[in-house]
């Protein structure tokens, strides 16, 4: 399970960095994930470096159980939503992850719903509601 959580963190960081910048809320959620996954700060640095080396085509082999594959996509969706905007790079990456993990459209929709609920919960727990609201306003969503 420890290896899976590290893969999940690498994928989360990769999605957060896909648009070229990390927002404050993305950084905060990455810290929360690292803590939840029991990843030490020095290992976080290493995993961030490794994030760009994820072989999406190998993910299904490395993560054979659908439940875990859906967890990976949910976490990636969480990070795509974390800054209040969906960039084309994040959409492409989401599609690539779905394809690599052999997930259906319904699976993806389920992951997006779960990620949205999780983001709201994390935002409330970690004081990110104001920033997320500002990001959504800035991007014309609110």
Protein backbone atom coordinates (compact mmCIF):
# COMPACT_ATOMS: atom_id res chain seq x y z
CA UNK A 1 0.00 0.00 0.00
CA UNK A 2 2.91 2.33 0.71
CA UNK A 3 4.00 2.15 -2.96
CA UNK A 4 0.47 2.87 -4.14
CA UNK A 5 0.21 5.98 -1.97
CA UNK A 6 3.51 7.23 -3.34
CA UNK A 7 2.27 6.66 -6.88
CA UNK A 8 -0.91 8.52 -5.97
CA UNK A 9 1.12 11.45 -4.65
CA UNK A 10 3.34 11.55 -7.77
CA UNK A 11 0.25 11.57 -9.97
CA UNK A 12 -1.36 14.31 -7.82
CA UNK A 13 1.75 16.46 -8.13
CA UNK A 14 1.98 15.79 -11.85
CA UNK A 15 -1.61 16.96 -12.32
CA UNK A 16 -1.11 20.03 -10.12
CA UNK A 17 1.96 21.00 -12.14
CA UNK A 18 0.40 20.21 -15.54
CA UNK A 19 -0.56 23.84 -16.16
CA UNK A 20 2.92 25.08 -15.26
CA UNK A 21 2.10 26.67 -11.89
CA UNK A 22 1.15 25.57 -8.40
CA UNK A 23 -1.51 27.64 -6.66
CA UNK A 24 -1.55 28.07 -2.90
CA UNK A 25 -4.52 25.72 -2.65
CA UNK A 26 -2.74 23.08 -4.75
CA UNK A 27 0.34 23.34 -2.54
CA UNK A 28 -1.81 23.04 0.59
CA UNK A 29 -3.68 20.00 -0.71
CA UNK A 30 -0.39 18.35 -1.68
CA UNK A 31 0.81 18.89 1.91
CA UNK A 32 -2.41 17.36 3.22
CA UNK A 33 -2.01 14.36 0.90
CA UNK A 34 1.61 13.86 1.92
CA UNK A 35 0.59 13.91 5.56
CA UNK A 36 -2.34 11.52 4.98
CA UNK A 37 -0.08 9.16 3.01
CA UNK A 38 2.63 9.39 5.72
CA UNK A 39 5.25 10.72 3.32
CA UNK A 40 8.17 12.54 4.97
CA UNK A 41 9.20 15.96 3.62
CA UNK A 42 12.49 14.74 2.12
CA UNK A 43 10.62 11.99 0.27
CA UNK A 44 8.08 14.55 -0.97
CA UNK A 45 10.93 16.37 -2.72
CA UNK A 46 12.04 13.14 -4.40
CA UNK A 47 8.49 12.16 -5.43
CA UNK A 48 7.95 15.60 -6.99
CA UNK A 49 11.10 15.07 -9.07
CA UNK A 50 9.83 11.65 -10.14
CA UNK A 51 6.35 12.93 -11.03
CA UNK A 52 7.32 13.82 -14.58
CA UNK A 53 8.56 10.27 -15.14
CA UNK A 54 5.22 8.51 -14.62
CA UNK A 55 4.62 5.97 -17.35
CA UNK A 56 0.85 6.21 -17.79
CA UNK A 57 0.83 3.18 -20.08
CA UNK A 58 2.27 1.04 -17.29
CA UNK A 59 -0.24 2.23 -14.66
CA UNK A 60 -2.85 -0.45 -15.33
CA UNK A 61 -0.23 -3.17 -14.86
CA UNK A 62 1.15 -1.53 -11.73
CA UNK A 63 -2.35 -0.87 -10.36
CA UNK A 64 -4.41 -3.94 -11.32
CA UNK A 65 -7.49 -3.34 -9.14
CA UNK A 66 -10.21 -1.06 -10.50
CA UNK A 67 -10.94 0.39 -7.06
CA UNK A 68 -7.34 1.61 -6.81
CA UNK A 69 -7.31 2.86 -10.42
CA UNK A 70 -10.40 4.93 -9.64
CA UNK A 71 -8.66 6.30 -6.52
CA UNK A 72 -5.79 7.45 -8.73
CA UNK A 73 -8.13 9.23 -11.12
CA UNK A 74 -10.11 10.77 -8.26
CA UNK A 75 -6.92 12.21 -6.76
CA UNK A 76 -5.82 13.53 -10.15
CA UNK A 77 -9.26 15.16 -10.60
CA UNK A 78 -9.01 16.64 -7.11
CA UNK A 79 -5.76 18.33 -8.07
CA UNK A 80 -7.14 19.50 -11.42
CA UNK A 81 -9.97 21.24 -9.54
CA UNK A 82 -7.84 22.58 -6.70
CA UNK A 83 -6.96 25.89 -8.33
CA UNK A 84 -10.50 26.56 -9.57
CA UNK A 85 -9.69 26.22 -13.24
CA UNK A 86 -9.31 23.38 -15.70
CA UNK A 87 -6.53 23.98 -18.18
CA UNK A 88 -6.24 22.08 -21.49
CA UNK A 89 -3.14 20.28 -20.15
CA UNK A 90 -5.19 18.97 -17.22
CA UNK A 91 -7.99 17.80 -19.51
CA UNK A 92 -5.50 15.97 -21.73
CA UNK A 93 -3.85 14.38 -18.75
CA UNK A 94 -7.22 13.28 -17.33
CA UNK A 95 -8.14 11.65 -20.63
CA UNK A 96 -4.74 9.97 -20.83
CA UNK A 97 -5.14 8.64 -17.28
CA UNK A 98 -8.63 7.28 -18.03
CA UNK A 99 -7.33 5.58 -21.16
CA UNK A 100 -4.26 4.17 -19.42
CA UNK A 101 -6.32 2.86 -16.51
CA UNK A 102 -9.05 1.48 -18.79
CA UNK A 103 -11.76 3.48 -17.03
CA UNK A 104 -15.13 4.21 -18.62
CA UNK A 105 -16.91 7.53 -18.95
CA UNK A 106 -19.17 6.50 -16.04
CA UNK A 107 -16.11 5.65 -13.94
CA UNK A 108 -14.63 9.06 -14.75
CA UNK A 109 -17.86 10.84 -13.83
CA UNK A 110 -17.93 8.98 -10.51
CA UNK A 111 -14.32 10.03 -9.83
CA UNK A 112 -15.10 13.66 -10.66
CA UNK A 113 -18.07 13.69 -8.26
CA UNK A 114 -15.97 12.13 -5.50
CA UNK A 115 -13.12 14.56 -6.15
CA UNK A 116 -15.51 17.53 -5.96
CA UNK A 117 -16.87 16.36 -2.59
CA UNK A 118 -13.35 15.71 -1.34
CA UNK A 119 -12.18 19.16 -2.46
CA UNK A 120 -15.05 20.86 -0.65
CA UNK A 121 -14.29 18.89 2.49
CA UNK A 122 -10.55 19.66 2.34
CA UNK A 123 -11.23 23.33 1.62
CA UNK A 124 -13.40 23.59 4.72
CA UNK A 125 -10.94 21.68 6.90
CA UNK A 126 -7.88 23.65 5.80
CA UNK A 127 -9.21 27.15 5.32
CA UNK A 128 -9.11 27.17 1.53
CA UNK A 129 -12.73 28.14 0.86
CA UNK A 130 -11.99 31.84 0.32
CA UNK A 131 -9.10 31.16 -2.06
CA UNK A 132 -11.09 28.61 -4.06
CA UNK A 133 -14.02 31.01 -4.30
CA UNK A 134 -11.65 33.76 -5.52
CA UNK A 135 -10.14 31.41 -8.12
CA UNK A 136 -13.58 30.42 -9.35
CA UNK A 137 -14.63 34.08 -9.63
CA UNK A 138 -11.41 34.97 -11.45
CA UNK A 139 -12.11 32.21 -13.96
CA UNK A 140 -15.75 33.16 -14.53
CA UNK A 141 -17.22 30.11 -12.82
CA UNK A 142 -18.96 32.10 -10.06
